Protein backbone atom coordinates (compact mmCIF):
# COMPACT_ATOMS: atom_id res chain seq x y z
CA MET A 1 -38.53 -3.65 9.83
CA LYS A 2 -40.12 -3.62 13.27
CA ARG A 3 -38.75 -5.64 16.15
CA LYS A 4 -40.54 -8.86 17.01
CA ASN A 5 -41.70 -9.04 20.61
CA THR A 6 -39.21 -11.69 21.75
CA SER A 7 -38.90 -10.84 25.46
CA ASN A 8 -39.77 -7.96 27.75
CA ASP A 9 -36.99 -9.01 30.14
CA PRO A 10 -33.45 -7.74 29.54
CA PHE A 11 -30.52 -10.01 28.91
CA THR A 12 -28.47 -9.65 32.08
CA TYR A 13 -24.80 -10.29 32.78
CA GLU A 14 -24.97 -11.72 36.31
CA GLY A 15 -21.24 -12.05 36.92
CA TYR A 16 -18.30 -14.43 36.64
CA ASP A 17 -16.19 -16.52 39.00
CA LEU A 18 -12.52 -17.34 38.48
CA GLU A 19 -10.87 -20.07 40.52
CA GLY A 20 -7.69 -22.10 40.35
CA ARG A 21 -7.15 -25.55 41.83
CA GLU A 22 -5.61 -28.95 41.07
CA GLY A 23 -3.73 -27.75 38.00
CA LYS A 24 -6.83 -26.14 36.48
CA ILE A 25 -8.13 -22.62 36.02
CA ARG A 26 -11.91 -22.49 35.82
CA LEU A 27 -14.01 -19.55 34.67
CA THR A 28 -17.77 -19.66 35.23
CA CYS A 29 -19.85 -17.05 33.38
CA ARG A 30 -23.42 -16.42 34.56
CA TYR A 31 -26.24 -14.82 32.55
CA SER A 32 -30.03 -14.57 32.73
CA ILE A 33 -33.19 -13.49 30.91
CA GLY A 34 -36.07 -13.20 33.35
CA GLU A 35 -36.35 -16.56 35.11
CA LEU A 36 -33.97 -18.22 32.66
CA GLU A 37 -30.45 -18.74 33.99
CA PHE A 38 -27.38 -19.81 32.04
CA ASN A 39 -23.90 -20.88 33.10
CA GLU A 40 -20.92 -21.34 30.81
CA ILE A 41 -17.74 -22.96 32.15
CA VAL A 42 -14.32 -22.54 30.52
CA THR A 43 -11.52 -24.68 31.95
CA PHE A 44 -7.81 -24.35 31.23
CA ASP A 45 -4.99 -26.72 32.07
CA SER A 46 -2.42 -24.92 34.18
CA PRO A 47 0.67 -26.40 35.86
CA GLU A 48 0.34 -23.62 38.41
CA SER A 49 -2.69 -21.68 39.57
CA ARG A 50 -1.47 -18.41 38.12
CA MET A 51 -4.11 -16.04 39.42
CA SER A 52 -3.32 -12.43 38.61
CA GLU A 53 -4.91 -9.11 37.80
CA GLY A 54 -4.12 -9.70 34.14
CA LEU A 55 -5.83 -13.09 34.17
CA ASP A 56 -8.91 -11.59 35.79
CA GLU A 57 -9.05 -8.91 33.10
CA ALA A 58 -8.77 -11.57 30.40
CA ALA A 59 -11.54 -13.56 32.09
CA ARG A 60 -13.68 -10.44 32.09
CA LEU A 61 -13.30 -10.17 28.30
CA VAL A 62 -14.34 -13.81 27.86
CA PHE A 63 -17.37 -13.11 30.07
CA LEU A 64 -18.35 -10.09 27.94
CA LEU A 65 -17.99 -11.85 24.57
CA ALA A 66 -19.39 -15.27 25.50
CA GLY A 67 -22.73 -13.77 26.51
CA VAL A 68 -23.86 -13.53 22.90
CA SER A 69 -24.63 -17.28 22.82
CA TYR A 70 -27.26 -16.84 25.52
CA TYR A 71 -28.60 -13.48 24.46
CA LYS A 72 -29.82 -15.01 21.19
CA THR A 73 -32.24 -17.35 22.98
CA LYS A 74 -34.74 -14.47 23.30
CA ALA A 75 -32.89 -11.52 21.70
CA PRO A 76 -34.38 -8.74 23.86
CA SER A 77 -33.71 -5.09 23.08
CA THR A 78 -31.84 -4.40 26.34
CA ILE A 79 -28.48 -5.87 27.32
CA ASP A 80 -27.94 -5.14 31.02
CA LEU A 81 -24.36 -5.52 32.24
CA GLY A 82 -25.58 -5.73 35.84
CA ASN A 83 -22.78 -4.90 38.26
CA VAL A 84 -20.07 -5.23 35.61
CA ARG A 85 -18.46 -1.84 35.19
CA THR A 86 -17.43 -0.99 31.62
CA THR A 87 -15.97 1.96 29.77
CA GLY A 88 -17.84 3.78 27.02
CA SER A 89 -15.59 2.23 24.38
CA GLU A 90 -16.26 -1.26 25.75
CA ARG A 91 -20.01 -0.72 25.50
CA GLU A 92 -19.60 0.60 21.95
CA PHE A 93 -17.59 -2.51 21.10
CA LEU A 94 -20.29 -4.78 22.55
CA LEU A 95 -23.04 -2.94 20.69
CA ASN A 96 -21.39 -3.52 17.32
CA TYR A 97 -20.34 -7.03 18.33
CA TYR A 98 -23.97 -7.97 18.94
CA ARG A 99 -25.42 -6.18 15.92
CA SER A 100 -22.81 -7.26 13.36
CA GLY A 101 -21.94 -10.61 14.90
CA LEU A 102 -25.63 -11.57 15.00
CA ALA A 103 -26.55 -10.11 11.60
CA GLU A 104 -26.99 -13.57 10.05
CA PHE A 105 -29.04 -14.69 13.08
CA ALA A 106 -31.25 -11.61 12.67
CA TYR A 107 -31.66 -12.25 8.94
CA ARG A 108 -32.68 -15.88 9.41
CA ASN A 109 -35.12 -15.06 12.21
CA ARG A 110 -36.37 -11.83 10.58
CA LEU A 111 -35.42 -9.76 13.61
CA ASP A 112 -34.52 -6.09 13.87
CA LEU A 113 -31.56 -5.65 16.20
CA SER A 114 -30.99 -1.98 15.43
CA ASP A 115 -32.65 -0.90 18.67
CA ILE A 116 -30.36 -2.89 20.98
CA VAL A 117 -29.01 -0.87 23.90
CA VAL A 118 -26.20 -1.81 26.27
CA VAL A 119 -26.57 -0.42 29.77
CA GLY A 120 -24.45 -0.74 32.90
CA PRO A 121 -22.32 1.13 35.44
CA GLU A 122 -19.42 3.28 34.27
CA ARG A 123 -15.79 2.22 34.67
CA ASP A 124 -14.22 5.66 34.68
CA ASP A 125 -11.06 4.93 36.70
CA HIS A 126 -9.72 2.14 34.51
CA GLU A 127 -6.03 1.93 33.66
CA PRO A 128 -4.57 -0.80 31.41
CA VAL A 129 -3.08 -3.72 33.31
CA GLN A 130 0.65 -4.26 32.91
CA TYR A 131 1.34 -7.48 31.03
CA LYS A 132 4.72 -9.15 30.88
CA SER A 133 5.52 -12.06 28.59
CA ASP A 134 8.47 -13.76 26.99
CA PRO A 135 8.94 -12.62 23.37
CA GLY A 136 8.87 -15.08 20.51
CA ARG A 137 6.31 -17.42 22.09
CA PRO A 138 3.13 -17.04 20.00
CA LEU A 139 -0.11 -18.96 20.54
CA VAL A 140 -1.89 -20.13 17.37
CA PRO A 141 -5.56 -21.22 17.58
CA PHE A 142 -5.77 -24.41 15.53
CA GLY A 143 -8.71 -26.11 13.81
CA GLY A 144 -7.09 -28.58 11.42
CA GLY A 145 -8.15 -26.86 8.18
CA ILE A 146 -5.97 -25.44 5.42
CA ASP A 147 -5.96 -21.88 6.81
CA SER A 148 -4.74 -22.81 10.28
CA ILE A 149 -2.22 -25.30 8.87
CA VAL A 150 -0.69 -22.68 6.58
CA ALA A 151 -0.64 -20.19 9.47
CA VAL A 152 1.09 -22.65 11.81
CA GLU A 153 3.73 -23.60 9.27
CA SER A 154 4.40 -19.92 8.56
CA VAL A 155 4.75 -19.13 12.27
CA LYS A 156 6.86 -22.06 13.42
CA ALA A 157 9.44 -21.47 10.68
CA SER A 158 10.59 -18.37 12.58
CA PHE A 159 9.24 -19.05 16.05
CA PRO A 160 10.05 -22.61 17.14
CA GLU A 161 8.58 -21.97 20.62
CA ALA A 162 5.13 -21.40 19.15
CA ALA A 163 2.27 -23.43 20.61
CA LEU A 164 -1.13 -24.43 19.27
CA PHE A 165 -4.36 -23.55 21.05
CA VAL A 166 -7.30 -25.94 20.89
CA VAL A 167 -10.80 -25.48 22.31
CA SER A 168 -13.02 -28.56 22.73
CA PRO A 169 -16.18 -29.61 24.57
CA PRO A 170 -15.53 -31.35 27.92
CA GLY A 171 -13.99 -34.79 27.44
CA GLU A 172 -13.95 -34.47 23.64
CA ARG A 173 -11.12 -34.47 21.13
CA PHE A 174 -11.87 -34.29 17.43
CA ASP A 175 -9.83 -36.59 15.19
CA ALA A 176 -9.95 -33.94 12.45
CA ILE A 177 -7.87 -31.69 14.71
CA GLU A 178 -5.79 -34.24 16.59
CA ASN A 179 -4.42 -35.92 13.46
CA ALA A 180 -3.17 -32.60 12.10
CA ILE A 181 -1.72 -31.60 15.50
CA GLY A 182 0.56 -34.63 15.32
CA VAL A 183 2.03 -33.41 12.05
CA THR A 184 2.80 -29.90 13.35
CA GLY A 185 5.19 -31.20 16.02
CA LEU A 186 4.14 -28.36 18.33
CA GLU A 187 2.85 -28.32 21.88
CA ALA A 188 -0.92 -27.96 22.15
CA ILE A 189 -2.35 -25.80 24.94
CA ARG A 190 -5.89 -26.93 25.59
CA CYS A 191 -9.12 -25.54 26.92
CA GLU A 192 -12.56 -27.06 27.49
CA ARG A 193 -15.63 -24.90 26.85
CA GLU A 194 -18.86 -26.19 28.35
CA ILE A 195 -21.91 -24.31 27.12
CA ASP A 196 -25.09 -24.37 29.18
CA ARG A 197 -27.05 -27.52 28.41
CA GLY A 198 -30.17 -25.40 27.93
CA LEU A 199 -28.80 -24.36 24.53
CA LEU A 200 -28.60 -27.97 23.36
CA ASN A 201 -32.40 -28.26 23.40
CA SER A 202 -33.11 -24.76 22.13
CA LYS A 203 -35.77 -25.74 19.58
CA GLU A 204 -37.70 -27.89 22.04
CA VAL A 205 -37.95 -25.09 24.61
CA GLY A 206 -38.77 -22.37 22.09
CA PHE A 207 -35.44 -20.52 22.02
CA LEU A 208 -34.40 -18.61 18.93
CA ASN A 209 -31.57 -20.32 17.11
CA GLY A 210 -28.86 -19.27 14.70
CA HIS A 211 -25.22 -18.42 14.07
CA VAL A 212 -23.16 -16.52 16.65
CA PRO A 213 -19.74 -14.84 16.20
CA ILE A 214 -17.92 -17.91 17.50
CA THR A 215 -14.47 -16.73 16.39
CA GLY A 216 -14.95 -13.67 18.61
CA ILE A 217 -15.55 -15.92 21.60
CA ILE A 218 -12.60 -18.17 20.74
CA SER A 219 -10.40 -15.07 20.32
CA ALA A 220 -11.18 -13.92 23.85
CA VAL A 221 -10.60 -17.42 25.24
CA ALA A 222 -7.28 -17.62 23.35
CA VAL A 223 -6.17 -14.30 24.84
CA MET A 224 -6.95 -15.65 28.30
CA ALA A 225 -4.87 -18.76 27.55
CA ALA A 226 -2.02 -16.55 26.32
CA VAL A 227 -2.08 -14.54 29.56
CA LEU A 228 -2.19 -17.72 31.64
CA HIS A 229 0.83 -19.22 29.86
CA GLY A 230 2.84 -16.03 29.36
CA ARG A 231 2.51 -15.99 25.57
CA ASP A 232 3.26 -12.71 23.84
CA CYS A 233 0.71 -12.90 21.02
CA VAL A 234 -2.30 -14.71 19.61
CA VAL A 235 -1.87 -15.44 15.89
CA MET A 236 -5.10 -16.04 14.00
CA SER A 237 -5.51 -17.63 10.55
CA ASN A 238 -8.29 -15.47 9.09
CA GLU A 239 -7.73 -14.48 5.48
CA TRP A 240 -8.70 -11.52 3.31
CA SER A 241 -12.05 -12.73 1.97
CA ALA A 242 -13.41 -13.41 5.48
CA SER A 243 -14.24 -9.68 5.46
CA LEU A 244 -16.55 -10.05 2.43
CA GLY A 245 -20.25 -10.09 3.28
CA ASN A 246 -22.96 -12.47 2.09
CA LEU A 247 -25.83 -10.03 1.52
CA LEU A 248 -27.58 -6.87 2.76
CA PHE A 249 -30.52 -7.13 5.15
CA ASP A 250 -32.43 -4.23 6.64
CA GLY A 251 -29.62 -1.83 5.73
CA ARG A 252 -26.85 -3.90 7.37
CA GLU A 253 -24.28 -6.16 5.74
CA VAL A 254 -24.67 -9.78 6.76
CA ASN A 255 -21.36 -11.62 6.96
CA HIS A 256 -21.28 -15.20 8.23
CA GLN A 257 -17.58 -14.70 8.95
CA TRP A 258 -17.83 -11.25 10.55
CA SER A 259 -15.77 -12.20 13.61
CA LYS A 260 -13.09 -13.53 11.26
CA GLY A 261 -13.06 -10.25 9.33
CA VAL A 262 -10.86 -7.20 9.56
CA GLU A 263 -13.51 -5.05 11.30
CA PHE A 264 -13.69 -7.39 14.28
CA GLU A 265 -9.90 -7.76 14.32
CA ARG A 266 -9.45 -3.97 14.46
CA GLU A 267 -12.04 -3.46 17.18
CA PHE A 268 -10.86 -6.39 19.29
CA ARG A 269 -7.27 -5.12 19.06
CA ASP A 270 -8.46 -1.74 20.35
CA LEU A 271 -10.26 -3.50 23.20
CA LEU A 272 -7.05 -5.32 24.14
CA THR A 273 -5.04 -2.10 24.01
CA ASP A 274 -7.46 -0.51 26.48
CA THR A 275 -7.25 -3.60 28.72
CA PHE A 276 -3.53 -4.45 28.74
CA GLU A 277 -0.31 -2.52 28.55
CA ASP A 278 2.33 -4.15 26.33
CA GLY A 279 0.30 -7.04 25.01
CA PRO A 280 -0.65 -9.69 24.34
CA GLU A 281 -0.70 -8.85 20.64
CA TYR A 282 -3.57 -10.11 18.47
CA PHE A 283 -3.53 -10.33 14.67
CA SER A 284 -4.22 -12.62 11.72
CA ILE A 285 -1.12 -13.68 9.85
CA LEU A 286 -3.22 -14.45 6.75
CA ARG A 287 -5.19 -11.19 6.69
CA PRO A 288 -3.70 -9.90 3.37
CA ARG A 289 -3.89 -13.33 1.73
CA SER A 290 -6.63 -14.76 -0.47
CA GLU A 291 -7.96 -18.30 -0.18
CA LEU A 292 -6.35 -18.87 -3.57
CA TRP A 293 -2.93 -18.00 -2.12
CA VAL A 294 -3.60 -20.15 0.96
CA SER A 295 -4.54 -23.16 -1.18
CA LYS A 296 -1.41 -22.75 -3.30
CA ARG A 297 0.75 -22.67 -0.17
CA PHE A 298 -1.12 -25.63 1.33
CA SER A 299 -0.60 -27.68 -1.84
CA GLU A 300 3.14 -27.62 -1.02
CA LEU A 301 2.61 -28.99 2.53
CA CYS A 302 2.29 -32.64 1.48
CA SER A 303 2.56 -34.11 4.99
CA TYR A 304 -0.86 -32.63 5.83
CA HIS A 305 -2.73 -33.76 2.72
CA ARG A 306 -4.13 -36.94 4.30
CA VAL A 307 -4.92 -35.53 7.74
CA PHE A 308 -6.50 -32.11 7.20
CA ARG A 309 -10.27 -31.72 7.43
CA SER A 310 -12.59 -28.75 6.98
CA CYS A 311 -15.98 -30.45 6.62
CA ASN A 312 -18.26 -29.40 9.49
CA ARG A 313 -19.61 -32.93 9.80
CA ALA A 314 -16.24 -33.86 11.35
CA PHE A 315 -17.06 -31.60 14.31
CA HIS A 316 -20.67 -32.55 14.98
CA GLN A 317 -21.54 -32.41 18.69
CA ASP A 318 -23.40 -35.72 18.40
CA ARG A 319 -20.80 -38.48 18.09
CA GLU A 320 -23.20 -40.69 16.16
CA LEU A 321 -23.53 -38.01 13.48
CA ARG A 322 -19.84 -37.15 13.40
CA LEU A 323 -18.01 -38.29 10.25
CA GLU A 324 -14.48 -39.65 10.08
CA SER A 325 -14.18 -38.49 6.47
CA TRP A 326 -15.33 -35.63 4.26
CA CYS A 327 -19.08 -35.71 3.56
CA GLY A 328 -18.30 -34.66 -0.02
CA GLU A 329 -21.51 -32.69 -0.57
CA CYS A 330 -21.71 -29.65 1.72
CA ASP A 331 -20.77 -26.12 0.63
CA LYS A 332 -17.50 -26.34 2.57
CA CYS A 333 -16.48 -29.59 0.87
CA CYS A 334 -17.33 -28.11 -2.53
CA PHE A 335 -15.31 -24.98 -1.85
CA ILE A 336 -12.22 -26.77 -0.51
CA ASP A 337 -12.20 -29.18 -3.45
CA LEU A 338 -12.59 -26.31 -5.90
CA ILE A 339 -9.92 -24.05 -4.42
CA LEU A 340 -7.39 -26.90 -4.13
CA SER A 341 -8.10 -28.25 -7.61
CA ALA A 342 -6.16 -25.32 -9.06
CA PHE A 343 -2.90 -26.58 -7.51
CA MET A 344 -3.22 -30.20 -6.39
CA ASP A 345 -3.14 -33.38 -8.45
CA ALA A 346 -6.61 -34.58 -9.43
CA ARG A 347 -5.93 -38.15 -8.36
CA GLU A 348 -4.82 -37.00 -4.92
CA LEU A 349 -7.97 -34.95 -4.38
CA LYS A 350 -10.11 -37.90 -5.48
CA GLU A 351 -8.42 -40.01 -2.83
CA ILE A 352 -8.78 -37.32 -0.16
CA PHE A 353 -12.53 -36.96 -0.76
CA ALA A 354 -13.14 -40.63 -1.55
CA PRO A 355 -15.61 -42.03 -2.26
CA TYR A 356 -17.30 -38.73 -3.24
CA GLU A 357 -15.18 -35.97 -4.68
CA PRO A 358 -17.50 -32.96 -5.14
CA LEU A 359 -16.07 -31.96 -8.53
CA GLU A 360 -16.95 -35.42 -9.87
CA ASN A 361 -20.57 -35.26 -8.69
CA PRO A 362 -22.93 -33.61 -11.22
CA ASP A 363 -25.67 -33.42 -8.58
CA LEU A 364 -23.67 -30.63 -6.91
CA VAL A 365 -23.69 -28.32 -9.93
CA GLU A 366 -25.98 -25.77 -8.24
CA LYS A 367 -23.70 -25.48 -5.21
CA PHE A 368 -20.75 -24.76 -7.49
CA ARG A 369 -22.77 -22.27 -9.54
CA THR A 370 -23.54 -20.37 -6.35
CA LEU A 371 -19.88 -20.34 -5.30
CA LEU A 372 -18.95 -19.02 -8.75
CA GLY A 373 -21.67 -16.36 -8.76
CA ILE A 374 -23.21 -17.77 -11.93
CA ASP A 375 -26.70 -17.80 -10.44
CA GLU A 376 -28.34 -15.05 -8.39
CA ARG A 377 -28.17 -16.76 -5.04
CA SER A 378 -26.07 -15.21 -2.31
CA LYS A 379 -22.76 -16.58 -1.10
CA PRO A 380 -23.47 -19.56 1.20
CA PHE A 381 -23.59 -18.97 4.95
CA GLU A 382 -20.37 -20.91 5.39
CA CYS A 383 -16.67 -20.22 5.82
CA VAL A 384 -15.98 -20.15 2.08
CA GLY A 385 -14.10 -17.75 -0.15
CA GLY A 386 -15.43 -15.02 -2.38
CA VAL A 387 -16.72 -15.28 -5.93
CA ASP A 388 -13.50 -13.94 -7.48
CA GLU A 389 -11.42 -16.53 -5.64
CA CYS A 390 -13.69 -19.34 -6.78
CA ARG A 391 -13.67 -18.08 -10.37
CA ALA A 392 -9.88 -17.88 -10.37
CA ALA A 393 -9.70 -21.43 -9.06
CA ILE A 394 -11.98 -22.83 -11.75
CA VAL A 395 -10.05 -21.01 -14.47
CA LEU A 396 -6.70 -22.36 -13.27
CA SER A 397 -8.10 -25.84 -12.66
CA SER A 398 -9.79 -26.08 -16.06
CA ARG A 399 -6.41 -25.46 -17.71
CA ARG A 400 -4.75 -28.38 -15.92
CA GLU A 401 -4.09 -31.45 -18.03
CA ASP A 402 -5.23 -33.78 -15.24
CA ARG A 403 -8.62 -32.02 -15.21
CA SER A 404 -9.23 -31.99 -18.95
CA ASN A 405 -11.67 -34.90 -18.68
CA SER A 406 -13.49 -33.61 -15.61
CA ALA A 407 -16.96 -33.12 -17.09
CA LEU A 408 -18.48 -31.03 -14.30
CA LEU A 409 -15.45 -28.78 -13.92
CA GLN A 410 -15.17 -28.10 -17.66
CA ARG A 411 -18.93 -27.51 -17.83
CA LEU A 412 -18.69 -24.92 -15.03
CA ALA A 413 -15.72 -23.23 -16.69
CA ASN A 414 -17.70 -22.94 -19.94
CA GLU A 415 -20.74 -21.57 -18.12
CA LEU A 416 -18.57 -19.01 -16.41
CA ARG A 417 -17.07 -18.01 -19.73
CA ASP A 418 -20.53 -17.42 -21.17
CA ALA A 419 -22.12 -15.83 -18.09
CA SER A 420 -23.07 -12.17 -18.24
CA ALA A 421 -21.49 -11.76 -14.79
CA GLY A 422 -18.08 -12.09 -16.40
CA GLY A 423 -15.87 -14.76 -17.84
CA PRO A 424 -12.37 -16.11 -17.24
CA ALA A 425 -10.80 -13.19 -19.09
CA GLU A 426 -11.99 -10.93 -16.27
CA VAL A 427 -10.49 -13.07 -13.51
CA ASP A 428 -7.19 -11.61 -12.30
CA CYS A 429 -5.43 -14.62 -10.78
CA THR A 430 -2.15 -12.73 -10.39
CA THR A 431 -3.71 -10.08 -8.14
CA LEU A 432 -5.36 -12.71 -5.98
CA LEU A 433 -1.99 -14.38 -5.41
CA ALA A 434 -0.44 -11.11 -4.21
CA PRO A 435 -1.02 -9.40 -0.82
CA LEU A 436 -4.41 -7.69 -0.54
CA GLY A 437 -5.85 -5.05 1.78
CA ASP A 438 -4.86 -3.78 5.20
CA HIS A 439 -3.40 -5.87 7.99
CA TYR A 440 -1.91 -5.61 11.49
CA ILE A 441 0.90 -8.14 11.12
CA PRO A 442 4.15 -7.24 12.93
CA ASP A 443 7.19 -7.16 10.65
CA ASP A 444 8.66 -10.30 12.25
CA TYR A 445 5.60 -12.31 11.21
CA LEU A 446 5.20 -11.13 7.62
CA ILE A 447 5.18 -14.05 5.16
CA ALA A 448 7.57 -13.73 2.25
CA ASP A 449 6.26 -14.62 -1.21
């Protein structure tokens, strides 16, 4: 595929400013493409203005990773780091971060990003910055869904000084997150991320639009918060199947969840090792766990069952379009209902999704068929589990007495049994409930089965 002529001007990193005043730390990141200029502002609450070399290095990482949101407006072939000096390994990281993190964006816009180059001055005298923190004080990014809830409960059992980390738009707090925060009983360290308003009208002004590796950006912001508050590690809640791609496009795997996957985790950890000496640590506590295992563990956390939310409509930027309940029809709602149906009481799930539980809505049969891999459509571009996890869930759910009269669920189970792609006999539920794949979890954080 040949590159579309999107812009002859490079995407340029203009610089960043870090300032502390009135109990706040504010980072302003500046970018440009030709005459277009973009500013992103990230603001942290801070009892003290703790400016330090380590904080500046963390801010630099946020600056490098946040640029992807503005690059995509024109997607030129050259990424110019301006006066920002970087090492060869940092430029290699950025190159893969843009290509893999924007693979879905490239697929949807039919763009070839294979010719991207990252240019800028060399940072050949860099030594890692010494970082000192108090042990046993992890920071856990929190979104109010089942993954982050299971991660938090696993962490706080051994580390009572753990704190949550929440990123919101300026002046906004999402009920879907706040209600679950109250149940955790933990302190919440907060940050406001203000994207340039030019992105909000991207279609009207002719900008390219599409998915960015948002978890990569949040990871960098969380590391900065950890450095600011003296936290020794950032504990993510990204599970095993986040590393599974959706499809192949132009010779590259497209994975909606790439920045939640193990490849990003490995490369970002290497970036942190080159930046800091002795931490902060970064890892996902759920990396070797399937969504099936997560849903089983969540089913035991009854105090969260009426407050958790994973539907994206709960986080809509437009308040008038934001829902206070599950929409009951999107791919995420279908997946969460399916994966929990294997372990949670049917009446409880009906009440959670009321008035529209996905598994009781025959109009959603095609969405479920796609999740189960019964049809030939690719895995949805959403944060949902893999085909094997969905198949295991439907097998376990269809055997439950309280689901025996669920017409859609039993119909799907029968279709799966008859499908040439494989039936329930080929679904290994036991393996999916055991640890899977590689991980970087320190021994103190390993979850016992």
